[in-house]
Every structure is written in structure tokens, then in C-alpha cells.
Amino acid sequence: MTIEMAYSRFLDEFGPGKAMVLSTAVDGQVSSRTMSVVLLNGAFYFQTDCTLRKYRQLVDNPRAALCAGNVSLEGICEEIGAPAACPAFCTAYSECFPGSFERYSGLNNERVFRFVPTRLERWLYIDAEPYMEVFDFAKNTYDLSAYEGK
């Protein structure tokens, strides 16, 4: 299976949005927090207040990680702008997280980030046996291997 086919299948299974843990790091200090993440055109989007620590960390070091359940992503974040400047994000975010959208998206300090994955790892169970699925977007490779750590 090609990486494009496997990633398309993954995106279909991921759905329009979910709560994920965002990890950021600057100067050797790592921090994590739960974020409301939506999927648009194969990339992941979230918003945060530009006065918060995670914002400063993302500006200083755009490399970050997202994880939820059996999925771990590594990637690069790019600031897009205020939510109002990103109507597709606002539509997706309001549908997936209406309470957060109403409370935060209209605030002046909110900024939207796009997270583009460079690596994705996911545990799968096929016939009750564990497998590791690895997408390396930098090398354009995909691997699905049985877990041999028994």
C-alpha cells in the first residue's frame, strides 16, 4: 500500500476532529496540554491564545507532537492568523467543538495553527495481534509491521 493510500484511510478513520494532547518544547523544557483539534485537507488545526506559554513555545520552536489514543504524530506548526481569517477552520471547529468555538474563537488574542505531520505512528490490532503502522512523510515511506516484542 502506498503512503498516500494509507494516509487517506487513516484520515477517514480519524474523523473531523478530536481532543488531542499537544506537546511543545523550548530550551529543553517540554510541556503538554489537551487541545481541540480539527482536520482540514490532510492537516490538523487548533487555536490558542497568543498570551499563553504554548503559543510562545510554538513561535520559538514550531516542532511539536500530537497524540490521542493509539495515534502519535510529530510535525511542524505554522501560525495561520486569527480564527476569523480562517473561515474553513471556524466552520470545522464550530461543528466539532461548539462550546469552545463560542467561548474563545471571537477573542482578540486567539490564533489558529496548522500542524503538518512529518511522522505518524499508530498501533493497530489485526486478528487480535498488535501491529505498528508508521508513516514517515519526510522519507515518503509507509510501513505496517507485526509487533515482535513478545
N, C-alpha and C. Protein backbone atom coordinates (compact mmCIF):
# COMPACT_ATOMS: atom_id res chain seq x y z
N MET A 1 0.85 -1.18 0.00
CA MET A 1 0.00 0.00 0.00
C MET A 1 0.90 1.24 0.00
N THR A 2 0.54 2.24 -0.78
CA THR A 2 1.32 3.47 -0.83
C THR A 2 1.04 4.32 0.41
N ILE A 3 1.94 5.24 0.69
CA ILE A 3 1.74 6.13 1.83
C ILE A 3 0.50 7.00 1.62
N GLU A 4 0.24 7.41 0.38
CA GLU A 4 -0.93 8.23 0.10
C GLU A 4 -2.23 7.47 0.38
N MET A 5 -2.28 6.22 -0.04
CA MET A 5 -3.49 5.42 0.20
C MET A 5 -3.68 5.16 1.69
N ALA A 6 -2.60 4.82 2.37
CA ALA A 6 -2.67 4.53 3.80
C ALA A 6 -3.06 5.78 4.59
N TYR A 7 -2.51 6.93 4.22
CA TYR A 7 -2.83 8.18 4.93
C TYR A 7 -4.28 8.58 4.68
N SER A 8 -4.76 8.40 3.48
CA SER A 8 -6.15 8.69 3.17
C SER A 8 -7.08 7.83 4.03
N ARG A 9 -6.74 6.56 4.17
CA ARG A 9 -7.52 5.66 5.03
C ARG A 9 -7.46 6.12 6.48
N PHE A 10 -6.27 6.49 6.95
CA PHE A 10 -6.12 6.99 8.32
C PHE A 10 -7.00 8.22 8.54
N LEU A 11 -6.96 9.18 7.62
CA LEU A 11 -7.74 10.41 7.77
C LEU A 11 -9.23 10.12 7.84
N ASP A 12 -9.70 9.18 7.03
CA ASP A 12 -11.11 8.79 7.08
C ASP A 12 -11.47 8.22 8.45
N GLU A 13 -10.58 7.43 9.01
CA GLU A 13 -10.82 6.82 10.32
C GLU A 13 -10.69 7.84 11.45
N PHE A 14 -9.83 8.84 11.28
CA PHE A 14 -9.61 9.86 12.30
C PHE A 14 -10.87 10.66 12.56
N GLY A 15 -11.56 11.03 11.49
CA GLY A 15 -12.78 11.83 11.63
C GLY A 15 -12.49 13.33 11.56
N PRO A 16 -13.53 14.15 11.75
CA PRO A 16 -13.39 15.60 11.56
C PRO A 16 -12.63 16.31 12.68
N GLY A 17 -12.59 15.74 13.87
CA GLY A 17 -11.87 16.40 14.96
C GLY A 17 -11.92 15.58 16.22
N LYS A 18 -10.97 15.87 17.12
CA LYS A 18 -10.96 15.19 18.42
C LYS A 18 -10.04 15.93 19.37
N ALA A 19 -10.18 15.63 20.65
CA ALA A 19 -9.28 16.15 21.66
C ALA A 19 -7.98 15.38 21.56
N MET A 20 -6.87 16.11 21.52
CA MET A 20 -5.55 15.50 21.43
C MET A 20 -4.62 16.22 22.39
N VAL A 21 -3.56 15.54 22.80
CA VAL A 21 -2.54 16.15 23.64
C VAL A 21 -1.49 16.77 22.73
N LEU A 22 -1.23 18.07 22.93
CA LEU A 22 -0.20 18.79 22.21
C LEU A 22 1.01 18.92 23.12
N SER A 23 2.18 18.49 22.64
CA SER A 23 3.43 18.65 23.38
C SER A 23 4.33 19.60 22.62
N THR A 24 4.90 20.55 23.36
CA THR A 24 5.80 21.54 22.81
C THR A 24 7.06 21.58 23.66
N ALA A 25 8.14 22.12 23.11
CA ALA A 25 9.39 22.19 23.87
C ALA A 25 10.21 23.39 23.44
N VAL A 26 10.81 24.05 24.42
CA VAL A 26 11.74 25.15 24.20
C VAL A 26 12.81 25.08 25.28
N ASP A 27 14.05 25.24 24.88
CA ASP A 27 15.17 25.25 25.82
C ASP A 27 15.19 24.02 26.72
N GLY A 28 14.87 22.87 26.16
CA GLY A 28 14.91 21.63 26.92
C GLY A 28 13.73 21.40 27.84
N GLN A 29 12.78 22.32 27.87
CA GLN A 29 11.59 22.18 28.71
C GLN A 29 10.42 21.73 27.84
N VAL A 30 9.83 20.61 28.21
CA VAL A 30 8.70 20.06 27.47
C VAL A 30 7.43 20.27 28.28
N SER A 31 6.35 20.62 27.60
CA SER A 31 5.06 20.73 28.27
C SER A 31 3.98 20.16 27.36
N SER A 32 2.91 19.69 27.98
CA SER A 32 1.80 19.07 27.24
C SER A 32 0.48 19.58 27.78
N ARG A 33 -0.50 19.63 26.89
CA ARG A 33 -1.84 20.02 27.27
C ARG A 33 -2.83 19.49 26.24
N THR A 34 -4.07 19.31 26.67
CA THR A 34 -5.11 18.82 25.77
C THR A 34 -5.64 19.97 24.93
N MET A 35 -5.79 19.70 23.64
CA MET A 35 -6.27 20.70 22.68
C MET A 35 -7.44 20.13 21.89
N SER A 36 -8.28 21.01 21.40
CA SER A 36 -9.36 20.64 20.49
C SER A 36 -8.80 20.79 19.07
N VAL A 37 -8.71 19.67 18.35
CA VAL A 37 -8.04 19.64 17.05
C VAL A 37 -9.05 19.25 15.97
N VAL A 38 -9.02 19.98 14.85
CA VAL A 38 -9.86 19.63 13.70
C VAL A 38 -8.97 19.29 12.51
N LEU A 39 -9.51 18.50 11.64
CA LEU A 39 -8.82 18.03 10.44
C LEU A 39 -9.36 18.77 9.23
N LEU A 40 -8.45 19.37 8.45
CA LEU A 40 -8.82 20.06 7.21
C LEU A 40 -7.77 19.75 6.15
N ASN A 41 -8.17 19.18 5.04
CA ASN A 41 -7.28 18.95 3.90
C ASN A 41 -5.98 18.24 4.29
N GLY A 42 -6.08 17.23 5.14
CA GLY A 42 -4.92 16.42 5.49
C GLY A 42 -4.00 17.00 6.54
N ALA A 43 -4.36 18.17 7.08
CA ALA A 43 -3.57 18.79 8.16
C ALA A 43 -4.47 18.97 9.38
N PHE A 44 -3.84 19.18 10.51
CA PHE A 44 -4.54 19.30 11.77
C PHE A 44 -4.46 20.76 12.23
N TYR A 45 -5.57 21.29 12.75
CA TYR A 45 -5.64 22.69 13.15
C TYR A 45 -6.15 22.81 14.58
N PHE A 46 -5.64 23.81 15.28
CA PHE A 46 -6.12 24.13 16.61
C PHE A 46 -5.93 25.62 16.84
N GLN A 47 -6.52 26.13 17.90
CA GLN A 47 -6.35 27.54 18.23
C GLN A 47 -5.86 27.68 19.67
N THR A 48 -5.19 28.79 19.93
CA THR A 48 -4.72 29.10 21.27
C THR A 48 -4.59 30.62 21.42
N ASP A 49 -4.50 31.05 22.63
CA ASP A 49 -4.35 32.46 22.96
C ASP A 49 -2.88 32.85 22.82
N CYS A 50 -2.61 33.97 22.17
CA CYS A 50 -1.22 34.36 21.92
C CYS A 50 -0.52 34.89 23.17
N THR A 51 -1.20 34.94 24.30
CA THR A 51 -0.53 35.33 25.55
C THR A 51 -0.12 34.12 26.38
N LEU A 52 -0.42 32.93 25.92
CA LEU A 52 -0.14 31.72 26.70
C LEU A 52 1.24 31.13 26.39
N ARG A 53 1.73 30.33 27.31
CA ARG A 53 3.04 29.68 27.21
C ARG A 53 3.15 28.83 25.95
N LYS A 54 2.12 28.04 25.64
CA LYS A 54 2.21 27.15 24.47
C LYS A 54 2.37 27.95 23.19
N TYR A 55 1.74 29.12 23.12
CA TYR A 55 1.89 29.97 21.94
C TYR A 55 3.36 30.37 21.77
N ARG A 56 3.95 30.88 22.84
CA ARG A 56 5.35 31.32 22.79
C ARG A 56 6.26 30.14 22.42
N GLN A 57 5.97 28.96 22.98
CA GLN A 57 6.78 27.79 22.65
C GLN A 57 6.67 27.45 21.17
N LEU A 58 5.48 27.52 20.61
CA LEU A 58 5.29 27.21 19.19
C LEU A 58 5.96 28.23 18.28
N VAL A 59 5.96 29.49 18.70
CA VAL A 59 6.64 30.52 17.91
C VAL A 59 8.15 30.30 17.96
N ASP A 60 8.66 29.97 19.15
CA ASP A 60 10.11 29.78 19.31
C ASP A 60 10.59 28.46 18.70
N ASN A 61 9.75 27.43 18.73
CA ASN A 61 10.11 26.11 18.19
C ASN A 61 8.85 25.49 17.59
N PRO A 62 8.67 25.57 16.29
CA PRO A 62 7.44 25.08 15.67
C PRO A 62 7.30 23.55 15.63
N ARG A 63 8.34 22.83 16.05
CA ARG A 63 8.22 21.36 16.11
C ARG A 63 7.40 20.98 17.32
N ALA A 64 6.41 20.11 17.11
CA ALA A 64 5.52 19.72 18.19
C ALA A 64 5.04 18.29 17.95
N ALA A 65 4.29 17.78 18.91
CA ALA A 65 3.71 16.44 18.79
C ALA A 65 2.26 16.50 19.23
N LEU A 66 1.45 15.67 18.61
CA LEU A 66 0.05 15.48 18.98
C LEU A 66 -0.17 14.00 19.21
N CYS A 67 -0.97 13.66 20.22
CA CYS A 67 -1.31 12.25 20.40
C CYS A 67 -2.71 12.13 20.98
N ALA A 68 -3.33 11.02 20.66
CA ALA A 68 -4.65 10.65 21.18
C ALA A 68 -4.81 9.16 20.97
N GLY A 69 -5.17 8.46 22.05
CA GLY A 69 -5.39 7.03 21.94
C GLY A 69 -4.16 6.32 21.41
N ASN A 70 -4.31 5.62 20.31
CA ASN A 70 -3.23 4.82 19.74
C ASN A 70 -2.46 5.56 18.64
N VAL A 71 -2.64 6.88 18.53
CA VAL A 71 -2.04 7.68 17.47
C VAL A 71 -1.04 8.67 18.05
N SER A 72 0.18 8.70 17.49
CA SER A 72 1.19 9.69 17.85
C SER A 72 1.67 10.37 16.58
N LEU A 73 1.65 11.69 16.58
CA LEU A 73 2.07 12.48 15.43
C LEU A 73 3.22 13.40 15.83
N GLU A 74 4.19 13.54 14.98
CA GLU A 74 5.23 14.56 15.11
C GLU A 74 5.08 15.46 13.90
N GLY A 75 5.32 16.76 14.10
CA GLY A 75 5.15 17.65 12.96
C GLY A 75 5.60 19.06 13.21
N ILE A 76 5.25 19.92 12.27
CA ILE A 76 5.63 21.33 12.27
C ILE A 76 4.35 22.16 12.33
N CYS A 77 4.36 23.16 13.23
CA CYS A 77 3.22 24.06 13.36
C CYS A 77 3.51 25.38 12.67
N GLU A 78 2.46 25.94 12.08
CA GLU A 78 2.56 27.23 11.42
C GLU A 78 1.37 28.07 11.86
N GLU A 79 1.65 29.29 12.32
CA GLU A 79 0.56 30.18 12.71
C GLU A 79 -0.15 30.68 11.46
N ILE A 80 -1.48 30.58 11.47
CA ILE A 80 -2.28 30.98 10.32
C ILE A 80 -2.86 32.38 10.49
N GLY A 81 -3.23 32.71 11.72
CA GLY A 81 -3.83 34.02 12.00
C GLY A 81 -5.00 33.88 12.94
N ALA A 82 -5.77 34.92 13.06
CA ALA A 82 -6.95 34.91 13.91
C ALA A 82 -7.99 33.96 13.33
N PRO A 83 -8.84 33.36 14.17
CA PRO A 83 -9.86 32.45 13.65
C PRO A 83 -10.72 33.07 12.55
N ALA A 84 -11.07 34.34 12.70
CA ALA A 84 -11.93 34.99 11.70
C ALA A 84 -11.29 35.02 10.32
N ALA A 85 -9.96 34.95 10.25
CA ALA A 85 -9.25 34.96 8.97
C ALA A 85 -9.19 33.57 8.34
N CYS A 86 -9.76 32.58 9.01
CA CYS A 86 -9.70 31.19 8.53
C CYS A 86 -11.10 30.59 8.60
N PRO A 87 -11.97 30.96 7.65
CA PRO A 87 -13.36 30.52 7.71
C PRO A 87 -13.55 29.00 7.69
N ALA A 88 -12.70 28.26 6.96
CA ALA A 88 -12.84 26.79 6.94
C ALA A 88 -12.57 26.23 8.32
N PHE A 89 -11.57 26.79 9.01
CA PHE A 89 -11.30 26.37 10.38
C PHE A 89 -12.51 26.65 11.27
N CYS A 90 -13.05 27.86 11.18
CA CYS A 90 -14.19 28.24 12.03
C CYS A 90 -15.38 27.30 11.81
N THR A 91 -15.65 26.95 10.58
CA THR A 91 -16.75 26.04 10.30
C THR A 91 -16.50 24.68 10.94
N ALA A 92 -15.32 24.12 10.70
CA ALA A 92 -14.99 22.79 11.25
C ALA A 92 -14.96 22.83 12.77
N TYR A 93 -14.35 23.86 13.34
CA TYR A 93 -14.21 23.96 14.79
C TYR A 93 -15.56 24.13 15.47
N SER A 94 -16.43 24.96 14.88
CA SER A 94 -17.75 25.17 15.47
C SER A 94 -18.60 23.91 15.42
N GLU A 95 -18.40 23.08 14.40
CA GLU A 95 -19.15 21.82 14.30
C GLU A 95 -18.63 20.78 15.29
N CYS A 96 -17.32 20.71 15.47
CA CYS A 96 -16.73 19.70 16.35
C CYS A 96 -16.70 20.13 17.81
N PHE A 97 -16.50 21.42 18.06
CA PHE A 97 -16.34 21.92 19.43
C PHE A 97 -17.14 23.20 19.61
N PRO A 98 -18.47 23.11 19.55
CA PRO A 98 -19.29 24.34 19.59
C PRO A 98 -19.09 25.19 20.83
N GLY A 99 -18.93 24.58 22.00
CA GLY A 99 -18.73 25.35 23.22
C GLY A 99 -17.44 26.14 23.20
N SER A 100 -16.36 25.50 22.79
CA SER A 100 -15.06 26.19 22.71
C SER A 100 -15.10 27.28 21.64
N PHE A 101 -15.73 26.98 20.53
CA PHE A 101 -15.84 27.98 19.46
C PHE A 101 -16.55 29.23 19.99
N GLU A 102 -17.69 29.04 20.65
CA GLU A 102 -18.45 30.18 21.17
C GLU A 102 -17.68 30.96 22.23
N ARG A 103 -16.97 30.26 23.11
CA ARG A 103 -16.25 30.93 24.20
C ARG A 103 -14.98 31.65 23.75
N TYR A 104 -14.24 31.05 22.81
CA TYR A 104 -12.88 31.54 22.55
C TYR A 104 -12.61 32.09 21.16
N SER A 105 -13.25 31.58 20.13
CA SER A 105 -12.84 31.91 18.76
C SER A 105 -13.01 33.39 18.41
N GLY A 106 -13.88 34.09 19.08
CA GLY A 106 -14.07 35.51 18.81
C GLY A 106 -13.16 36.43 19.61
N LEU A 107 -12.37 35.88 20.50
CA LEU A 107 -11.49 36.71 21.33
C LEU A 107 -10.31 37.25 20.52
N ASN A 108 -9.88 38.45 20.85
CA ASN A 108 -8.82 39.13 20.09
C ASN A 108 -7.49 38.40 20.10
N ASN A 109 -7.16 37.70 21.18
CA ASN A 109 -5.85 37.07 21.30
C ASN A 109 -5.76 35.66 20.71
N GLU A 110 -6.86 35.12 20.21
CA GLU A 110 -6.84 33.76 19.68
C GLU A 110 -6.13 33.71 18.33
N ARG A 111 -5.32 32.65 18.15
CA ARG A 111 -4.62 32.41 16.89
C ARG A 111 -4.78 30.95 16.50
N VAL A 112 -4.86 30.72 15.20
CA VAL A 112 -5.01 29.37 14.65
C VAL A 112 -3.64 28.89 14.18
N PHE A 113 -3.36 27.62 14.46
CA PHE A 113 -2.15 26.97 13.99
C PHE A 113 -2.52 25.77 13.13
N ARG A 114 -1.73 25.59 12.07
CA ARG A 114 -1.82 24.38 11.25
C ARG A 114 -0.65 23.48 11.67
N PHE A 115 -0.96 22.22 11.95
CA PHE A 115 0.04 21.20 12.29
C PHE A 115 0.14 20.26 11.11
N VAL A 116 1.30 20.23 10.47
CA VAL A 116 1.52 19.33 9.33
C VAL A 116 2.41 18.19 9.81
N PRO A 117 1.92 16.96 9.77
CA PRO A 117 2.71 15.85 10.29
C PRO A 117 3.94 15.54 9.44
N THR A 118 5.03 15.20 10.15
CA THR A 118 6.23 14.69 9.49
C THR A 118 6.38 13.20 9.75
N ARG A 119 5.74 12.72 10.83
CA ARG A 119 5.78 11.30 11.18
C ARG A 119 4.49 10.96 11.93
N LEU A 120 3.97 9.79 11.67
CA LEU A 120 2.77 9.31 12.33
C LEU A 120 3.00 7.85 12.71
N GLU A 121 2.72 7.52 13.95
CA GLU A 121 2.78 6.12 14.40
C GLU A 121 1.43 5.77 14.99
N ARG A 122 0.97 4.57 14.66
CA ARG A 122 -0.32 4.11 15.19
C ARG A 122 -0.26 2.62 15.46
N TRP A 123 -0.76 2.24 16.63
CA TRP A 123 -0.91 0.83 16.96
C TRP A 123 -2.23 0.33 16.38
N LEU A 124 -2.17 -0.81 15.74
CA LEU A 124 -3.37 -1.46 15.20
C LEU A 124 -3.41 -2.89 15.71
N TYR A 125 -4.59 -3.46 15.75
CA TYR A 125 -4.75 -4.87 16.10
C TYR A 125 -5.43 -5.56 14.93
N ILE A 126 -4.73 -6.50 14.35
CA ILE A 126 -5.24 -7.26 13.21
C ILE A 126 -5.34 -8.71 13.66
N ASP A 127 -6.55 -9.24 13.64
CA ASP A 127 -6.79 -10.60 14.15
C ASP A 127 -6.24 -10.76 15.57
N ALA A 128 -6.48 -9.75 16.39
CA ALA A 128 -6.08 -9.71 17.80
C ALA A 128 -4.57 -9.65 18.01
N GLU A 129 -3.80 -9.43 16.95
CA GLU A 129 -2.35 -9.32 17.05
C GLU A 129 -1.94 -7.86 16.87
N PRO A 130 -0.97 -7.37 17.68
CA PRO A 130 -0.55 -5.97 17.59
C PRO A 130 0.36 -5.70 16.40
N TYR A 131 0.09 -4.58 15.76
CA TYR A 131 0.90 -4.09 14.64
C TYR A 131 1.22 -2.62 14.87
N MET A 132 2.35 -2.19 14.33
CA MET A 132 2.73 -0.78 14.35
C MET A 132 2.69 -0.26 12.92
N GLU A 133 1.93 0.80 12.74
CA GLU A 133 1.82 1.46 11.45
C GLU A 133 2.66 2.75 11.54
N VAL A 134 3.59 2.93 10.60
CA VAL A 134 4.48 4.09 10.64
C VAL A 134 4.46 4.81 9.29
N PHE A 135 4.14 6.09 9.35
CA PHE A 135 4.17 6.97 8.18
C PHE A 135 5.35 7.91 8.39
N ASP A 136 6.33 7.89 7.50
CA ASP A 136 7.44 8.83 7.56
C ASP A 136 7.28 9.75 6.35
N PHE A 137 6.68 10.90 6.58
CA PHE A 137 6.37 11.80 5.48
C PHE A 137 7.63 12.45 4.90
N ALA A 138 8.67 12.63 5.72
CA ALA A 138 9.92 13.20 5.23
C ALA A 138 10.57 12.27 4.21
N LYS A 139 10.50 10.97 4.45
CA LYS A 139 11.08 9.99 3.53
C LYS A 139 10.06 9.41 2.56
N ASN A 140 8.78 9.81 2.72
CA ASN A 140 7.69 9.33 1.89
C ASN A 140 7.58 7.80 1.94
N THR A 141 7.65 7.25 3.18
CA THR A 141 7.55 5.80 3.34
C THR A 141 6.43 5.44 4.30
N TYR A 142 5.91 4.24 4.09
CA TYR A 142 4.85 3.70 4.93
C TYR A 142 5.21 2.26 5.26
N ASP A 143 5.00 1.88 6.54
CA ASP A 143 5.30 0.51 6.94
C ASP A 143 4.24 0.03 7.93
N LEU A 144 3.81 -1.17 7.76
CA LEU A 144 2.90 -1.83 8.68
C LEU A 144 3.57 -3.15 9.07
N SER A 145 3.98 -3.25 10.35
CA SER A 145 4.74 -4.40 10.79
C SER A 145 4.14 -5.00 12.05
N ALA A 146 4.16 -6.33 12.11
CA ALA A 146 3.74 -7.02 13.32
C ALA A 146 4.69 -6.66 14.45
N TYR A 147 4.13 -6.46 15.63
CA TYR A 147 4.95 -6.16 16.80
C TYR A 147 5.57 -7.45 17.31
N GLU A 148 6.89 -7.46 17.39
CA GLU A 148 7.61 -8.67 17.76
C GLU A 148 8.15 -8.61 19.18
N GLY A 149 7.64 -7.72 20.01
CA GLY A 149 8.18 -7.52 21.34
C GLY A 149 7.69 -8.48 22.39
N LYS A 150 7.19 -9.64 21.99
CA LYS A 150 6.63 -10.60 22.94
C LYS A 150 7.71 -11.32 23.69
